[in-house]
C-alpha atoms as a PDB file:
ATOM      1  CA  MET A   1      -0.108  -0.031  -0.179  1.00  0.00           C
ATOM      2  CA  VAL A   2       1.384   3.350  -1.257  1.00  0.00           C
ATOM      3  CA  ASP A   3       0.252   6.822  -0.631  1.00  0.00           C
ATOM      4  CA  LEU A   4       1.193   9.622  -2.905  1.00  0.00           C
ATOM      5  CA  ILE A   5       1.897  13.179  -1.265  1.00  0.00           C
ATOM      6  CA  VAL A   6       2.537  16.322  -3.473  1.00  0.00           C
ATOM      7  CA  VAL A   7       3.950  19.088  -1.516  1.00  0.00           C
ATOM      8  CA  ALA A   8       3.149  22.342  -3.077  1.00  0.00           C
ATOM      9  CA  ALA A   9       3.122  26.267  -2.671  1.00  0.00           C
ATOM     10  CA  ILE A  10       2.191  29.460  -3.950  1.00  0.00           C
ATOM     11  CA  THR A  11       3.744  29.596  -7.675  1.00  0.00           C
ATOM     12  CA  LYS A  12       3.925  31.520 -10.761  1.00  0.00           C
ATOM     13  CA  ASN A  13       3.912  28.260 -12.776  1.00  0.00           C
ATOM     14  CA  GLU A  14       0.337  27.109 -11.873  1.00  0.00           C
ATOM     15  CA  ASP A  15       0.534  24.173 -14.634  1.00  0.00           C
ATOM     16  CA  TYR A  16       3.462  22.531 -13.012  1.00  0.00           C
ATOM     17  CA  ILE A  17       1.662  20.672 -10.458  1.00  0.00           C
ATOM     18  CA  ASP A  18      -0.574  19.280 -13.179  1.00  0.00           C
ATOM     19  CA  ARG A  19       2.112  17.850 -15.160  1.00  0.00           C
ATOM     20  CA  VAL A  20       3.601  16.455 -11.955  1.00  0.00           C
ATOM     21  CA  ILE A  21       0.489  14.496 -11.215  1.00  0.00           C
ATOM     22  CA  CYS A  22       0.620  13.278 -14.780  1.00  0.00           C
ATOM     23  CA  SER A  23       3.996  11.838 -14.416  1.00  0.00           C
ATOM     24  CA  VAL A  24       2.672   9.507 -11.745  1.00  0.00           C
ATOM     25  CA  SER A  25      -0.898   9.168 -13.086  1.00  0.00           C
ATOM     26  CA  ASN A  26      -0.169   5.430 -14.025  1.00  0.00           C
ATOM     27  CA  HIS A  27       0.447   4.238 -10.268  1.00  0.00           C
ATOM     28  CA  ASN A  28      -2.262   2.690  -8.118  1.00  0.00           C
ATOM     29  CA  PHE A  29      -2.228   4.696  -4.863  1.00  0.00           C
ATOM     30  CA  ASP A  30      -4.006   4.184  -1.741  1.00  0.00           C
ATOM     31  CA  LYS A  31      -4.672   7.639  -1.099  1.00  0.00           C
ATOM     32  CA  LYS A  32      -3.540  10.948  -2.929  1.00  0.00           C
ATOM     33  CA  TYR A  33      -2.763  14.127  -1.105  1.00  0.00           C
ATOM     34  CA  ILE A  34      -1.913  17.682  -1.989  1.00  0.00           C
ATOM     35  CA  LEU A  35      -0.353  19.581   0.715  1.00  0.00           C
ATOM     36  CA  LEU A  36      -0.849  23.380   0.094  1.00  0.00           C
ATOM     37  CA  ASP A  37       1.620  25.834   2.109  1.00  0.00           C
ATOM     38  CA  GLY A  38       0.182  29.053   3.222  1.00  0.00           C
ATOM     39  CA  ALA A  39       1.771  32.142   1.244  1.00  0.00           C
ATOM     40  CA  PRO A  40       4.450  34.044   2.658  1.00  0.00           C
ATOM     41  CA  ASP A  41       4.213  37.332   4.510  1.00  0.00           C
ATOM     42  CA  GLY A  42       5.009  40.444   2.307  1.00  0.00           C
ATOM     43  CA  LYS A  43       3.464  38.711  -1.092  1.00  0.00           C
ATOM     44  CA  LEU A  44       1.037  41.474  -2.615  1.00  0.00           C
ATOM     45  CA  LYS A  45      -2.434  41.165  -2.090  1.00  0.00           C
ATOM     46  CA  THR A  46      -2.991  40.061  -5.971  1.00  0.00           C
ATOM     47  CA  HIS A  47      -0.537  37.261  -5.124  1.00  0.00           C
ATOM     48  CA  TYR A  48      -3.099  35.980  -2.359  1.00  0.00           C
ATOM     49  CA  GLU A  49      -6.025  36.353  -4.531  1.00  0.00           C
ATOM     50  CA  LYS A  50      -4.304  34.456  -7.512  1.00  0.00           C
ATOM     51  CA  TYR A  51      -3.201  31.776  -5.076  1.00  0.00           C
ATOM     52  CA  ARG A  52      -6.683  31.367  -3.653  1.00  0.00           C
ATOM     53  CA  LYS A  53      -8.177  30.780  -7.473  1.00  0.00           C
ATOM     54  CA  TYR A  54      -5.393  28.307  -7.954  1.00  0.00           C
ATOM     55  CA  LYS A  55      -6.012  26.233  -4.751  1.00  0.00           C
ATOM     56  CA  LYS A  56      -9.871  26.385  -5.906  1.00  0.00           C
ATOM     57  CA  ARG A  57      -9.051  25.223  -9.492  1.00  0.00           C
ATOM     58  CA  LEU A  58      -7.047  22.109  -7.759  1.00  0.00           C
ATOM     59  CA  ARG A  59      -9.995  21.324  -5.385  1.00  0.00           C
ATOM     60  CA  LYS A  60     -12.246  21.301  -8.404  1.00  0.00           C
ATOM     61  CA  HIS A  61     -10.175  19.205 -10.898  1.00  0.00           C
ATOM     62  CA  TYR A  62      -8.475  16.968  -8.337  1.00  0.00           C
ATOM     63  CA  THR A  63     -11.528  15.395  -6.609  1.00  0.00           C
ATOM     64  CA  ASP A  64      -9.472  11.943  -5.883  1.00  0.00           C
ATOM     65  CA  PHE A  65      -7.018  13.797  -4.098  1.00  0.00           C
ATOM     66  CA  ILE A  66      -7.166  14.775  -0.212  1.00  0.00           C
ATOM     67  CA  ILE A  67      -6.223  18.552  -0.374  1.00  0.00           C
ATOM     68  CA  ILE A  68      -4.946  19.791   2.932  1.00  0.00           C
ATOM     69  CA  GLU A  69      -4.543  23.792   2.988  1.00  0.00           C
ATOM     70  CA  TYR A  70      -2.153  25.468   5.666  1.00  0.00           C
ATOM     71  CA  ASP A  71      -2.950  29.188   6.546  1.00  0.00           C
ATOM     72  CA  GLU A  72       0.612  30.061   7.499  1.00  0.00           C
ATOM     73  CA  CYS A  73       3.503  29.870   5.473  1.00  0.00           C
ATOM     74  CA  ILE A  74       5.359  26.867   7.166  1.00  0.00           C
ATOM     75  CA  TYR A  75       7.689  25.612   4.318  1.00  0.00           C
ATOM     76  CA  TYR A  76       8.427  21.984   3.279  1.00  0.00           C
ATOM     77  CA  ARG A  77      10.059  20.440   6.321  1.00  0.00           C
ATOM     78  CA  LYS A  78       7.290  21.742   8.656  1.00  0.00           C
ATOM     79  CA  ILE A  79       4.593  20.859   6.220  1.00  0.00           C
ATOM     80  CA  LEU A  80       5.484  17.025   6.370  1.00  0.00           C
ATOM     81  CA  GLU A  81       6.226  17.048   9.929  1.00  0.00           C
ATOM     82  CA  LYS A  82       2.790  18.579  10.944  1.00  0.00           C
ATOM     83  CA  PHE A  83       1.122  16.392   8.108  1.00  0.00           C
ATOM     84  CA  ILE A  84       2.662  12.945   9.156  1.00  0.00           C
ATOM     85  CA  ASN A  85       1.928  13.651  12.910  1.00  0.00           C
ATOM     86  CA  GLU A  86      -1.518  14.502  12.278  1.00  0.00           C
ATOM     87  CA  ASN A  87      -2.160  11.562  10.149  1.00  0.00           C
ATOM     88  CA  TYR A  88       0.000   8.876  11.029  1.00  0.00           C
ATOM     89  CA  ALA A  89      -2.822   6.757  12.504  1.00  0.00           C
ATOM     90  CA  SER A  90      -5.990   9.037  12.196  1.00  0.00           C
ATOM     91  CA  GLU A  91      -9.323   7.605  12.835  1.00  0.00           C
ATOM     92  CA  GLU A  92      -9.784   7.458   9.092  1.00  0.00           C
ATOM     93  CA  GLY A  93      -7.046   4.885   8.934  1.00  0.00           C
ATOM     94  CA  GLY A  94      -3.947   7.193   8.644  1.00  0.00           C
ATOM     95  CA  VAL A  95      -1.497   7.274   5.780  1.00  0.00           C
ATOM     96  CA  ALA A  96      -0.221   4.060   4.086  1.00  0.00           C
ATOM     97  CA  LYS A  97       2.912   2.239   5.363  1.00  0.00           C
ATOM     98  CA  ASN A  98       4.818   3.497   2.383  1.00  0.00           C
ATOM     99  CA  LEU A  99       4.797   6.958   0.899  1.00  0.00           C
ATOM    100  CA  LEU A 100       5.885   8.437  -2.422  1.00  0.00           C
ATOM    101  CA  ILE A 101       6.594  12.117  -1.679  1.00  0.00           C
ATOM    102  CA  ILE A 102       7.340  14.471  -4.585  1.00  0.00           C
ATOM    103  CA  GLN A 103       7.442  18.392  -5.008  1.00  0.00           C
ATOM    104  CA  ASP A 104       5.059  20.195  -7.310  1.00  0.00           C
ATOM    105  CA  ASP A 105       7.739  21.152  -9.782  1.00  0.00           C
ATOM    106  CA  VAL A 106       9.409  17.768 -10.267  1.00  0.00           C
ATOM    107  CA  LEU A 107       8.397  15.114 -12.903  1.00  0.00           C
ATOM    108  CA  LEU A 108       9.493  11.490 -12.366  1.00  0.00           C
ATOM    109  CA  ASP A 109      10.382   9.161 -14.925  1.00  0.00           C
ATOM    110  CA  ASP A 110       7.778   6.399 -15.563  1.00  0.00           C
ATOM    111  CA  PHE A 111       8.499   3.158 -13.748  1.00  0.00           C
ATOM    112  CA  ASN A 112       6.975  -0.110 -12.127  1.00  0.00           C
ATOM    113  CA  LEU A 113       5.968   0.869  -8.468  1.00  0.00           C
ATOM    114  CA  GLU A 114       5.400  -2.475  -7.217  1.00  0.00           C
ATOM    115  CA  LYS A 115       8.731  -3.661  -8.571  1.00  0.00           C
ATOM    116  CA  VAL A 116      10.639  -0.655  -7.094  1.00  0.00           C
ATOM    117  CA  LEU A 117       9.099  -1.323  -3.734  1.00  0.00           C
ATOM    118  CA  GLU A 118      10.089  -4.987  -3.826  1.00  0.00           C
ATOM    119  CA  THR A 119      13.643  -3.852  -4.618  1.00  0.00           C
ATOM    120  CA  LYS A 120      13.399  -1.442  -1.899  1.00  0.00           C
ATOM    121  CA  ALA A 121      12.537  -4.008   0.626  1.00  0.00           C
ATOM    122  CA  ASP A 122      15.596  -6.164  -0.534  1.00  0.00           C
ATOM    123  CA  PHE A 123      17.892  -3.761   0.822  1.00  0.00           C
ATOM    124  CA  ASN A 124      17.451  -4.122   4.452  1.00  0.00           C
ATOM    125  CA  GLU A 125      19.370  -0.748   5.298  1.00  0.00           C
ATOM    126  CA  CYS A 126      17.450   1.530   2.884  1.00  0.00           C
ATOM    127  CA  LYS A 127      15.308   3.797   4.495  1.00  0.00           C
ATOM    128  CA  ILE A 128      15.175   6.528   1.908  1.00  0.00           C
ATOM    129  CA  LEU A 129      14.969   5.625  -1.784  1.00  0.00           C
ATOM    130  CA  TYR A 130      15.229   9.052  -3.880  1.00  0.00           C
ATOM    131  CA  PHE A 131      15.290   9.570  -7.653  1.00  0.00           C
ATOM    132  CA  ARG A 132      18.219  12.067  -8.618  1.00  0.00           C
ATOM    133  CA  GLU A 133      17.934  15.017 -11.028  1.00  0.00           C
ATOM    134  CA  ASN A 134      18.516  13.501 -14.719  1.00  0.00           C
ATOM    135  CA  ARG A 135      21.964  15.319 -15.066  1.00  0.00           C
ATOM    136  CA  LEU A 136      25.359  14.728 -13.963  1.00  0.00           C
ATOM    137  CA  ARG A 137      25.894  13.901 -10.348  1.00  0.00           C
ATOM    138  CA  CYS A 138      27.116  16.752  -8.249  1.00  0.00           C
ATOM    139  CA  ASN A 139      30.122  15.326  -6.581  1.00  0.00           C
ATOM    140  CA  HIS A 140      30.050  17.531  -3.468  1.00  0.00           C
ATOM    141  CA  TRP A 141      26.589  16.267  -2.543  1.00  0.00           C
ATOM    142  CA  PHE A 142      25.954  12.789  -3.629  1.00  0.00           C
ATOM    143  CA  ASN A 143      29.081  10.822  -2.577  1.00  0.00           C
ATOM    144  CA  VAL A 144      28.893   7.140  -3.769  1.00  0.00           C
ATOM    145  CA  ILE A 145      29.538   4.604  -1.142  1.00  0.00           C
ATOM    146  CA  ASP A 146      28.592   1.317  -3.110  1.00  0.00           C
ATOM    147  CA  ASP A 147      27.247   1.354  -6.592  1.00  0.00           C
ATOM    148  CA  SER A 148      27.770  -2.367  -7.264  1.00  0.00           C
ATOM    149  CA  GLN A 149      24.031  -3.426  -6.890  1.00  0.00           C
ATOM    150  CA  GLU A 150      20.717  -2.089  -8.492  1.00  0.00           C
ATOM    151  CA  LEU A 151      20.466   0.770  -5.921  1.00  0.00           C
ATOM    152  CA  ILE A 152      23.356   2.956  -5.165  1.00  0.00           C
ATOM    153  CA  LYS A 153      24.223   3.420  -1.567  1.00  0.00           C
ATOM    154  CA  THR A 154      25.092   7.176  -1.033  1.00  0.00           C
ATOM    155  CA  HIS A 155      25.937  10.016   1.311  1.00  0.00           C
ATOM    156  CA  GLY A 156      23.425  12.849   0.624  1.00  0.00           C
ATOM    157  CA  TRP A 157      20.299  12.512  -1.099  1.00  0.00           C
ATOM    158  CA  SER A 158      17.718  14.464  -2.892  1.00  0.00           C
ATOM    159  CA  GLU A 159      14.157  15.149  -1.519  1.00  0.00           C
ATOM    160  CA  ARG A 160      12.554  16.343  -4.507  1.00  0.00           C
ATOM    161  CA  ALA A 161      11.086  12.622  -5.138  1.00  0.00           C
ATOM    162  CA  TYR A 162      11.656   9.648  -2.907  1.00  0.00           C
ATOM    163  CA  LEU A 163      10.014   6.777  -1.384  1.00  0.00           C
ATOM    164  CA  ILE A 164       9.913   6.533   2.324  1.00  0.00           C
ATOM    165  CA  THR A 165       7.688   4.559   4.921  1.00  0.00           C
ATOM    166  CA  LYS A 166       5.944   6.493   7.476  1.00  0.00           C
ATOM    167  CA  GLU A 167       7.924   4.949  10.336  1.00  0.00           C
ATOM    168  CA  ASN A 168      11.247   6.027   8.871  1.00  0.00           C
ATOM    169  CA  LEU A 169       9.982   9.631   7.792  1.00  0.00           C
ATOM    170  CA  ILE A 170       8.848  10.414  11.329  1.00  0.00           C
ATOM    171  CA  ASP A 171      11.724   8.951  12.794  1.00  0.00           C
ATOM    172  CA  ILE A 172      14.225  11.168  10.724  1.00  0.00           C
ATOM    173  CA  LEU A 173      12.188  14.529  11.195  1.00  0.00           C
ATOM    174  CA  ASN A 174      12.149  13.503  15.042  1.00  0.00           C
ATOM    175  CA  ASN A 175      15.878  13.205  15.011  1.00  0.00           C
ATOM    176  CA  LEU A 176      16.868  16.590  13.354  1.00  0.00           C
ATOM    177  CA  PRO A 177      17.389  19.870  15.161  1.00  0.00           C
ATOM    178  CA  HIS A 178      14.960  22.923  14.573  1.00  0.00           C
ATOM    179  CA  LYS A 179      17.139  25.427  12.752  1.00  0.00           C
ATOM    180  CA  GLY A 180      17.071  28.239  10.309  1.00  0.00           C
ATOM    181  CA  GLY A 181      14.405  30.497  11.996  1.00  0.00           C
ATOM    182  CA  CYS A 182      10.934  30.694  10.442  1.00  0.00           C
ATOM    183  CA  LYS A 183      11.848  29.367   6.966  1.00  0.00           C
ATOM    184  CA  GLY A 184      13.464  26.143   8.747  1.00  0.00           C
ATOM    185  CA  LYS A 185      15.834  23.934   6.592  1.00  0.00           C
ATOM    186  CA  PHE A 186      15.030  21.225   3.927  1.00  0.00           C
ATOM    187  CA  ILE A 187      15.186  17.802   5.581  1.00  0.00           C
ATOM    188  CA  GLU A 188      18.372  16.968   3.005  1.00  0.00           C
ATOM    189  CA  TYR A 189      20.172  20.226   4.141  1.00  0.00           C
ATOM    190  CA  TYR A 190      21.318  18.614   7.381  1.00  0.00           C
ATOM    191  CA  TYR A 191      23.232  15.814   5.371  1.00  0.00           C
ATOM    192  CA  LYS A 192      24.790  18.426   3.137  1.00  0.00           C
ATOM    193  CA  ASN A 193      25.854  20.392   6.052  1.00  0.00           C
ATOM    194  CA  MET A 194      27.562  17.480   7.468  1.00  0.00           C
ATOM    195  CA  MET A 195      29.586  16.722   4.525  1.00  0.00           C
ATOM    196  CA  GLN A 196      30.585  20.365   4.290  1.00  0.00           C
ATOM    197  CA  ARG A 197      32.204  20.426   7.706  1.00  0.00           C
ATOM    198  CA  LYS A 198      36.002  19.965   8.016  1.00  0.00           C
ATOM    199  CA  THR A 199      35.522  17.273  10.773  1.00  0.00           C
ATOM    200  CA  TRP A 200      33.926  15.110   7.839  1.00  0.00           C
ATOM    201  CA  GLN A 201      37.005  14.858   6.124  1.00  0.00           C
ATOM    202  CA  THR A 202      38.991  13.748   9.288  1.00  0.00           C
ATOM    203  CA  ILE A 203      36.623  11.194  10.612  1.00  0.00           C
ATOM    204  CA  THR A 204      36.848   7.626   9.604  1.00  0.00           C
ATOM    205  CA  ASP A 205      34.947   5.780   7.030  1.00  0.00           C
ATOM    206  CA  GLU A 206      33.349   3.852   9.639  1.00  0.00           C
ATOM    207  CA  GLU A 207      32.137   7.023  11.488  1.00  0.00           C
ATOM    208  CA  GLN A 208      30.732   8.363   8.165  1.00  0.00           C
ATOM    209  CA  LEU A 209      28.904   5.197   7.794  1.00  0.00           C
ATOM    210  CA  GLN A 210      27.421   5.585  11.306  1.00  0.00           C
ATOM    211  CA  TYR A 211      25.921   8.760  10.239  1.00  0.00           C
ATOM    212  CA  TRP A 212      24.604   7.022   7.088  1.00  0.00           C
ATOM    213  CA  GLN A 213      22.990   4.608   8.943  1.00  0.00           C
ATOM    214  CA  LYS A 214      20.417   7.438  10.541  1.00  0.00           C
ATOM    215  CA  TRP A 215      19.147   7.962   7.089  1.00  0.00           C
ATOM    216  CA  GLY A 216      19.648   4.851   4.959  1.00  0.00           C
ATOM    217  CA  CYS A 217      19.933   6.767   1.428  1.00  0.00           C
ATOM    218  CA  TYR A 218      19.719   4.813  -1.648  1.00  0.00           C
ATOM    219  CA  GLU A 219      19.599   6.291  -5.343  1.00  0.00           C
ATOM    220  CA  HIS A 220      17.823   4.281  -7.990  1.00  0.00           C
ATOM    221  CA  LYS A 221      20.006   3.778 -10.883  1.00  0.00           C
ATOM    222  CA  LEU A 222      17.574   4.084 -13.764  1.00  0.00           C
ATOM    223  CA  ILE A 223      14.737   6.184 -12.384  1.00  0.00           C
ATOM    224  CA  HIS A 224      15.294  10.041 -12.480  1.00  0.00           C
ATOM    225  CA  HIS A 225      13.634  13.225 -12.024  1.00  0.00           C
ATOM    226  CA  LYS A 226      13.416  16.449 -14.128  1.00  0.00           C
ATOM    227  CA  HIS A 227      13.374  19.635 -11.952  1.00  0.00           C
ATOM    228  CA  LEU A 228      10.840  22.187 -13.541  1.00  0.00           C
ATOM    229  CA  VAL A 229      12.377  24.871 -10.964  1.00  0.00           C
ATOM    230  CA  ALA A 230       8.981  26.729 -10.201  1.00  0.00           C
ATOM    231  CA  LYS A 231       9.014  30.453  -9.618  1.00  0.00           C
ATOM    232  CA  ARG A 232       7.501  31.541  -6.316  1.00  0.00           C
END
Protein backbone atom coordinates (compact mmCIF):
# COMPACT_ATOMS: atom_id res chain seq x y z
CA MET A 1 0.00 0.00 0.00
CA VAL A 2 1.42 3.37 -1.08
CA ASP A 3 0.15 6.92 -0.63
CA LEU A 4 1.14 9.78 -2.92
CA ILE A 5 2.01 13.10 -1.27
CA VAL A 6 2.48 16.17 -3.46
CA VAL A 7 3.97 19.05 -1.48
CA ALA A 8 2.94 22.36 -3.04
CA ALA A 9 3.26 26.10 -2.48
CA ILE A 10 2.44 29.43 -4.07
CA THR A 11 3.86 29.52 -7.58
CA LYS A 12 3.91 31.54 -10.78
CA ASN A 13 3.92 28.31 -12.79
CA GLU A 14 0.45 27.02 -12.00
CA ASP A 15 0.47 24.31 -14.66
CA TYR A 16 3.52 22.55 -13.23
CA ILE A 17 1.54 20.64 -10.63
CA ASP A 18 -0.67 19.25 -13.40
CA ARG A 19 2.40 17.93 -15.16
CA VAL A 20 3.74 16.48 -11.92
CA ILE A 21 0.51 14.62 -11.19
CA CYS A 22 0.37 13.38 -14.78
CA SER A 23 3.90 11.94 -14.44
CA VAL A 24 2.73 9.60 -11.65
CA SER A 25 -0.83 9.01 -12.86
CA ASN A 26 -0.14 5.43 -14.02
CA HIS A 27 0.43 4.23 -10.46
CA ASN A 28 -2.20 2.82 -8.15
CA PHE A 29 -2.15 4.66 -4.83
CA ASP A 30 -4.21 3.95 -1.76
CA LYS A 31 -4.67 7.67 -1.08
CA LYS A 32 -3.43 10.79 -2.78
CA TYR A 33 -2.70 14.06 -1.01
CA ILE A 34 -1.83 17.60 -2.03
CA LEU A 35 -0.33 19.62 0.82
CA LEU A 36 -0.65 23.36 0.17
CA ASP A 37 1.59 25.73 2.11
CA GLY A 38 0.32 29.16 3.10
CA ALA A 39 1.50 32.24 1.22
CA PRO A 40 4.58 33.97 2.70
CA ASP A 41 4.20 37.26 4.52
CA GLY A 42 4.92 40.28 2.35
CA LYS A 43 3.34 38.95 -0.83
CA LEU A 44 1.19 41.47 -2.64
CA LYS A 45 -2.57 41.21 -2.22
CA THR A 46 -2.90 40.22 -5.88
CA HIS A 47 -0.66 37.20 -5.21
CA TYR A 48 -2.90 36.08 -2.38
CA GLU A 49 -5.96 36.31 -4.63
CA LYS A 50 -4.22 34.42 -7.42
CA TYR A 51 -3.14 31.72 -4.98
CA ARG A 52 -6.71 31.45 -3.67
CA LYS A 53 -7.98 30.85 -7.22
CA TYR A 54 -5.18 28.35 -7.85
CA LYS A 55 -6.17 26.31 -4.80
CA LYS A 56 -9.83 26.50 -5.79
CA ARG A 57 -8.95 25.06 -9.22
CA LEU A 58 -7.03 22.20 -7.64
CA ARG A 59 -9.98 21.31 -5.41
CA LYS A 60 -12.28 21.31 -8.44
CA HIS A 61 -10.10 19.27 -10.80
CA TYR A 62 -8.47 16.81 -8.40
CA THR A 63 -11.44 15.40 -6.54
CA ASP A 64 -9.59 12.10 -6.11
CA PHE A 65 -7.01 13.86 -3.93
CA ILE A 66 -7.27 14.81 -0.29
CA ILE A 67 -6.24 18.46 -0.35
CA ILE A 68 -4.89 19.92 2.87
CA GLU A 69 -4.38 23.69 3.09
CA TYR A 70 -2.23 25.42 5.66
CA ASP A 71 -3.03 29.03 6.55
CA GLU A 72 0.50 29.95 7.58
CA CYS A 73 3.60 29.67 5.43
CA ILE A 74 5.43 26.88 7.26
CA TYR A 75 7.62 25.57 4.41
CA TYR A 76 8.43 22.07 3.23
CA ARG A 77 9.89 20.36 6.29
CA LYS A 78 7.28 21.68 8.72
CA ILE A 79 4.48 20.78 6.31
CA LEU A 80 5.61 17.16 6.33
CA GLU A 81 6.13 17.15 10.09
CA LYS A 82 2.66 18.53 10.73
CA PHE A 83 1.03 16.26 8.17
CA ILE A 84 2.69 13.02 9.31
CA ASN A 85 2.05 13.74 12.99
CA GLU A 86 -1.64 14.43 12.34
CA ASN A 87 -2.21 11.58 9.87
CA TYR A 88 0.13 8.83 11.04
CA ALA A 89 -2.76 6.87 12.52
CA SER A 90 -5.90 8.99 12.24
CA GLU A 91 -9.45 7.72 12.77
CA GLU A 92 -9.83 7.42 8.99
CA GLY A 93 -7.04 4.86 8.92
CA GLY A 94 -4.03 7.13 8.64
CA VAL A 95 -1.49 7.24 5.86
CA ALA A 96 -0.23 4.06 4.19
CA LYS A 97 2.96 2.33 5.28
CA ASN A 98 4.81 3.52 2.16
CA LEU A 99 4.85 7.10 0.91
CA LEU A 100 5.90 8.50 -2.46
CA ILE A 101 6.68 12.14 -1.75
CA ILE A 102 7.20 14.57 -4.60
CA GLN A 103 7.46 18.34 -4.89
CA ASP A 104 5.09 20.30 -7.12
CA ASP A 105 7.70 21.10 -9.80
CA VAL A 106 9.29 17.67 -10.25
CA LEU A 107 8.53 15.15 -13.02
CA LEU A 108 9.33 11.50 -12.40
CA ASP A 109 10.38 8.99 -15.02
CA ASP A 110 7.85 6.26 -15.69
CA PHE A 111 8.48 3.11 -13.65
CA ASN A 112 6.86 0.07 -12.07
CA LEU A 113 6.03 1.09 -8.52
CA GLU A 114 5.44 -2.43 -7.24
CA LYS A 115 8.80 -3.67 -8.53
CA VAL A 116 10.61 -0.68 -7.06
CA LEU A 117 9.01 -1.34 -3.66
CA GLU A 118 10.14 -4.97 -3.89
CA THR A 119 13.67 -3.88 -4.71
CA LYS A 120 13.69 -1.39 -1.84
CA ALA A 121 12.53 -4.12 0.55
CA ASP A 122 15.49 -6.30 -0.52
CA PHE A 123 17.87 -3.66 0.86
CA ASN A 124 17.37 -3.96 4.62
CA GLU A 125 19.24 -0.74 5.39
CA CYS A 126 17.29 1.37 2.89
CA LYS A 127 15.18 4.02 4.58
CA ILE A 128 15.15 6.64 1.81
CA LEU A 129 15.02 5.64 -1.86
CA TYR A 130 15.40 8.82 -3.86
CA PHE A 131 15.35 9.58 -7.56
CA ARG A 132 18.04 12.04 -8.51
CA GLU A 133 17.87 14.73 -11.16
CA ASN A 134 18.47 13.67 -14.76
CA ARG A 135 21.82 15.37 -15.08
CA LEU A 136 25.42 14.76 -14.06
CA ARG A 137 25.92 13.90 -10.42
CA CYS A 138 27.15 16.70 -8.14
CA ASN A 139 30.22 15.18 -6.56
CA HIS A 140 30.09 17.47 -3.53
CA TRP A 141 26.52 16.41 -2.81
CA PHE A 142 25.97 12.75 -3.70
CA ASN A 143 28.99 10.73 -2.66
CA VAL A 144 28.79 7.10 -3.79
CA ILE A 145 29.46 4.49 -1.11
CA ASP A 146 28.56 1.39 -3.14
CA ASP A 147 27.18 1.23 -6.68
CA SER A 148 27.71 -2.48 -7.31
CA GLN A 149 24.02 -3.36 -6.98
CA GLU A 150 20.69 -2.22 -8.42
CA LEU A 151 20.43 0.61 -5.89
CA ILE A 152 23.32 3.00 -5.21
CA LYS A 153 24.25 3.53 -1.58
CA THR A 154 25.09 7.21 -1.15
CA HIS A 155 26.06 9.94 1.26
CA GLY A 156 23.55 12.71 0.54
CA TRP A 157 20.17 12.55 -1.18
CA SER A 158 17.50 14.57 -2.97
CA GLU A 159 14.16 15.13 -1.27
CA ARG A 160 12.43 16.30 -4.44
CA ALA A 161 11.14 12.78 -5.14
CA TYR A 162 11.58 9.74 -2.91
CA LEU A 163 10.01 6.64 -1.37
CA ILE A 164 9.99 6.23 2.38
CA THR A 165 7.95 4.44 5.02
CA LYS A 166 5.96 6.59 7.41
CA GLU A 167 7.94 5.10 10.31
CA ASN A 168 11.27 6.12 8.80
CA LEU A 169 9.99 9.57 7.85
CA ILE A 170 8.81 10.40 11.35
CA ASP A 171 11.99 8.94 12.86
CA ILE A 172 14.23 11.10 10.66
CA LEU A 173 12.18 14.24 11.28
CA ASN A 174 12.11 13.69 15.04
CA ASN A 175 15.89 13.38 15.19
CA LEU A 176 16.72 16.61 13.35
CA PRO A 177 17.37 19.90 15.17
CA HIS A 178 15.13 22.86 14.43
CA LYS A 179 17.28 25.53 12.83
CA GLY A 180 16.94 28.29 10.29
CA GLY A 181 14.35 30.58 11.84
CA CYS A 182 10.84 30.77 10.44
CA LYS A 183 11.79 29.14 7.15
CA GLY A 184 13.51 26.20 8.76
CA LYS A 185 15.74 23.99 6.65
CA PHE A 186 15.04 21.34 4.04
CA ILE A 187 15.46 17.82 5.38
CA GLU A 188 18.34 17.06 3.00
CA TYR A 189 20.21 20.17 4.19
CA TYR A 190 21.46 18.43 7.32
CA TYR A 191 23.27 15.72 5.37
CA LYS A 192 24.82 18.27 3.01
CA ASN A 193 25.87 20.45 5.93
CA MET A 194 27.54 17.50 7.65
CA MET A 195 29.56 16.60 4.55
CA GLN A 196 30.75 20.20 4.15
CA ARG A 197 32.21 20.36 7.62
CA LYS A 198 35.97 20.05 8.07
CA THR A 199 35.39 17.26 10.59
CA TRP A 200 33.77 15.11 7.88
CA GLN A 201 37.15 14.88 6.12
CA THR A 202 38.93 13.80 9.28
CA ILE A 203 36.58 11.14 10.65
CA THR A 204 36.94 7.50 9.62
CA ASP A 205 34.86 5.74 6.97
CA GLU A 206 33.24 3.77 9.77
CA GLU A 207 32.18 6.98 11.52
CA GLN A 208 30.80 8.33 8.26
CA LEU A 209 28.78 5.13 7.83
CA GLN A 210 27.40 5.51 11.34
CA TYR A 211 26.00 8.85 10.25
CA TRP A 212 24.69 7.28 7.04
CA GLN A 213 22.79 4.66 9.03
CA LYS A 214 20.57 7.40 10.50
CA TRP A 215 19.39 8.15 6.96
CA GLY A 216 19.74 4.94 4.96
CA CYS A 217 20.04 6.78 1.61
CA TYR A 218 19.88 4.84 -1.63
CA GLU A 219 19.53 6.16 -5.18
CA HIS A 220 17.80 4.25 -7.96
CA LYS A 221 20.15 3.71 -10.89
CA LEU A 222 17.56 4.01 -13.65
CA ILE A 223 14.73 6.22 -12.40
CA HIS A 224 15.39 9.95 -12.39
CA HIS A 225 13.46 13.18 -12.01
CA LYS A 226 13.35 16.44 -13.95
CA HIS A 227 13.23 19.63 -11.94
CA LEU A 228 11.00 22.23 -13.59
CA VAL A 229 12.28 24.95 -11.20
CA ALA A 230 9.05 26.74 -10.37
CA LYS A 231 9.15 30.47 -9.70
CA ARG A 232 7.61 31.39 -6.37
